[in-house]
Amino acid sequence: MAKVELKQPVVEEIASALDGAQTAVLVDYRGLTVEQDTQLRKQLREAGITYKVYKNTMIRFAAKGTPFEALDPVLEGPTAMAVSKTDATAPARILAEFSKKNPALEIKGGVVEGDYYDAKGMQAIAAVPAREVLLGRLFGSMKSPISNLARVLNQIAEKDSAPAAATEA
């Protein structure tokens, strides 16, 4: 079998992982122990993120013609790729948090919703809270004025009904 035929399934696997993905983050994992790597994989798996080590040339072939082609400049050295199809900020958040405790893990860069970000940009994206947290904050900020209005209207209604009750007695 030719080498190209052997590599084609790997390229197809990467391409299918990137197809419809919101985010792909590349990291250099050199220096992580097996235990640390296992911990990281567990955290990513629990968040629904695909994490796998691939050869740089395979990623290049699979990303060609997609927004993920922008990852080409950081495809050097050992590379692991974290891909999320559901939460755009989760891979960056989890990897950045993990790298604080394990400095051997280095974020190289990534593509989030079609835009390329270098390592510093990915750190900024990691600071963005999860979608659920943002929605909670939004609903909380929307609920507060409505609650205050209801409280004021209730106080006005109680104030207006209090003198009427006193005159009837």
Protein backbone atom coordinates (compact mmCIF):
# COMPACT_ATOMS: atom_id res chain seq x y z
CA MET A 1 0.00 0.00 0.00
CA ALA A 2 1.27 3.48 -0.81
CA LYS A 3 2.05 5.91 1.99
CA VAL A 4 -0.65 8.29 0.76
CA GLU A 5 -3.30 5.57 1.09
CA LEU A 6 -2.20 4.89 4.67
CA LYS A 7 -2.36 8.57 5.62
CA GLN A 8 -5.70 9.32 3.96
CA PRO A 9 -7.86 7.93 6.82
CA VAL A 10 -6.01 10.15 9.32
CA VAL A 11 -6.54 13.22 7.13
CA GLU A 12 -10.24 12.32 6.80
CA GLU A 13 -10.50 11.88 10.58
CA ILE A 14 -9.05 15.36 11.18
CA ALA A 15 -11.22 16.87 8.44
CA SER A 16 -14.37 15.38 9.97
CA ALA A 17 -13.35 16.66 13.41
CA LEU A 18 -12.89 20.16 11.98
CA ASP A 19 -16.10 20.01 9.91
CA GLY A 20 -18.68 22.11 11.74
CA ALA A 21 -16.29 22.87 14.59
CA GLN A 22 -16.57 26.22 16.34
CA THR A 23 -13.06 26.07 17.77
CA ALA A 24 -9.74 24.31 17.27
CA VAL A 25 -6.86 25.03 19.62
CA LEU A 26 -3.33 23.73 19.08
CA VAL A 27 -1.03 23.04 22.02
CA ASP A 28 2.51 21.88 22.62
CA TYR A 29 2.26 19.10 25.18
CA ARG A 30 6.00 18.39 25.63
CA GLY A 31 6.95 17.97 29.26
CA LEU A 32 3.58 16.71 30.50
CA THR A 33 3.65 13.51 32.48
CA VAL A 34 1.33 10.67 31.57
CA GLU A 35 -0.72 11.44 34.68
CA GLN A 36 -1.06 15.13 33.72
CA ASP A 37 -1.98 14.24 30.15
CA THR A 38 -4.61 11.78 31.39
CA GLN A 39 -6.06 14.48 33.67
CA LEU A 40 -6.21 16.95 30.79
CA ARG A 41 -7.85 14.46 28.45
CA LYS A 42 -10.47 13.66 31.11
CA GLN A 43 -11.35 17.35 31.61
CA LEU A 44 -11.64 17.92 27.87
CA ARG A 45 -13.70 14.76 27.30
CA GLU A 46 -16.14 15.77 30.08
CA ALA A 47 -16.65 19.10 28.29
CA GLY A 48 -17.37 17.35 24.98
CA ILE A 49 -14.06 18.39 23.41
CA THR A 50 -12.10 16.13 21.06
CA TYR A 51 -8.38 16.12 21.93
CA LYS A 52 -5.80 14.19 19.95
CA VAL A 53 -2.17 14.34 18.86
CA TYR A 54 -1.67 14.56 15.10
CA LYS A 55 1.23 15.10 12.74
CA ASN A 56 1.46 18.69 11.54
CA THR A 57 1.40 17.70 7.86
CA MET A 58 -1.83 15.75 8.40
CA ILE A 59 -3.46 18.81 10.03
CA ARG A 60 -2.26 20.97 7.11
CA PHE A 61 -3.83 18.64 4.55
CA ALA A 62 -7.11 18.36 6.46
CA ALA A 63 -7.39 22.12 7.08
CA LYS A 64 -6.65 23.16 3.50
CA GLY A 65 -9.49 25.28 2.13
CA THR A 66 -11.15 25.80 5.53
CA PRO A 67 -10.91 28.62 8.09
CA PHE A 68 -8.62 26.30 10.07
CA GLU A 69 -5.96 26.71 7.38
CA ALA A 70 -4.93 29.83 9.36
CA LEU A 71 -3.33 27.48 11.92
CA ASP A 72 -0.48 26.75 9.49
CA PRO A 73 2.07 29.18 11.08
CA VAL A 74 1.90 27.41 14.46
CA LEU A 75 2.14 23.88 13.07
CA GLU A 76 5.68 23.24 14.32
CA GLY A 77 6.96 20.74 16.83
CA PRO A 78 4.72 18.31 18.73
CA THR A 79 1.09 19.31 18.29
CA ALA A 80 -2.11 18.24 19.98
CA MET A 81 -5.43 19.59 18.79
CA ALA A 82 -8.51 20.31 20.91
CA VAL A 83 -11.71 20.71 18.89
CA SER A 84 -15.17 21.76 20.06
CA LYS A 85 -18.31 21.75 17.96
CA THR A 86 -20.57 23.12 20.71
CA ASP A 87 -18.82 25.66 22.94
CA ALA A 88 -16.53 28.18 21.25
CA THR A 89 -14.57 29.16 24.36
CA ALA A 90 -14.42 25.87 26.29
CA PRO A 91 -11.18 24.46 24.77
CA ALA A 92 -9.27 27.70 25.37
CA ARG A 93 -10.69 28.03 28.89
CA ILE A 94 -9.86 24.47 29.94
CA LEU A 95 -6.40 24.47 28.33
CA ALA A 96 -5.48 27.88 29.81
CA GLU A 97 -6.65 26.83 33.28
CA PHE A 98 -4.72 23.57 33.00
CA SER A 99 -1.56 25.34 31.81
CA LYS A 100 -1.60 27.57 34.92
CA LYS A 101 -1.02 24.48 37.07
CA ASN A 102 1.09 22.67 34.45
CA PRO A 103 3.31 25.21 32.66
CA ALA A 104 4.70 22.49 30.36
CA LEU A 105 1.46 22.75 28.37
CA GLU A 106 1.79 25.65 25.93
CA ILE A 107 -1.06 27.02 23.83
CA LYS A 108 0.24 27.72 20.31
CA GLY A 109 -2.85 29.33 18.79
CA GLY A 110 -6.31 28.54 17.55
CA VAL A 111 -9.27 29.35 15.38
CA VAL A 112 -12.48 30.44 17.10
CA GLU A 113 -15.61 30.83 14.97
CA GLY A 114 -13.51 31.32 11.82
CA ASP A 115 -10.98 33.82 13.21
CA TYR A 116 -7.34 32.97 13.95
CA TYR A 117 -5.85 33.92 17.34
CA ASP A 118 -2.26 33.56 18.50
CA ALA A 119 -1.33 32.34 21.98
CA LYS A 120 -2.09 35.72 23.60
CA GLY A 121 -5.40 35.94 21.79
CA MET A 122 -6.34 32.48 23.01
CA GLN A 123 -5.55 33.57 26.59
CA ALA A 124 -7.99 36.48 26.13
CA ILE A 125 -10.66 34.10 24.80
CA ALA A 126 -10.03 31.83 27.77
CA ALA A 127 -11.08 34.71 30.03
CA VAL A 128 -14.54 34.80 28.44
CA PRO A 129 -16.99 32.98 30.73
CA ALA A 130 -18.98 29.98 29.54
CA ARG A 131 -22.14 30.58 27.54
CA GLU A 132 -24.37 29.50 30.44
CA VAL A 133 -22.68 31.99 32.77
CA LEU A 134 -23.10 34.81 30.25
CA LEU A 135 -26.78 33.94 29.74
CA GLY A 136 -27.28 33.86 33.52
CA ARG A 137 -25.74 37.31 33.83
CA LEU A 138 -27.88 38.63 30.99
CA PHE A 139 -31.11 37.29 32.48
CA GLY A 140 -30.10 38.53 35.92
CA SER A 141 -29.51 42.02 34.59
CA MET A 142 -32.85 41.91 32.75
CA LYS A 143 -34.71 40.61 35.80
CA SER A 144 -33.38 43.24 38.20
CA PRO A 145 -35.15 46.30 36.70
CA ILE A 146 -38.39 44.34 36.30
CA SER A 147 -38.23 43.20 39.95
CA ASN A 148 -37.55 46.76 41.10
CA LEU A 149 -40.51 48.07 39.07
CA ALA A 150 -42.80 45.39 40.51
CA ARG A 151 -41.63 46.25 44.04
CA VAL A 152 -42.33 49.99 43.53
CA LEU A 153 -45.76 49.31 42.02
CA ASN A 154 -46.58 47.00 44.92
CA GLN A 155 -45.55 49.67 47.45
CA ILE A 156 -47.71 52.27 45.65
CA ALA A 157 -50.67 49.88 45.67
CA GLU A 158 -50.19 49.17 49.40
CA LYS A 159 -49.88 52.90 50.15
CA ASP A 160 -53.06 53.72 48.21
CA SER A 161 -55.06 50.91 49.86
CA ALA A 162 -53.83 51.68 53.43
CA PRO A 163 -55.70 55.04 53.86
CA ALA A 164 -58.88 53.56 52.40
CA ALA A 165 -58.78 50.77 54.95
CA ALA A 166 -58.20 53.31 57.79
CA THR A 167 -61.21 55.49 56.76
CA GLU A 168 -63.54 52.47 56.63
CA ALA A 169 -62.77 51.55 60.25
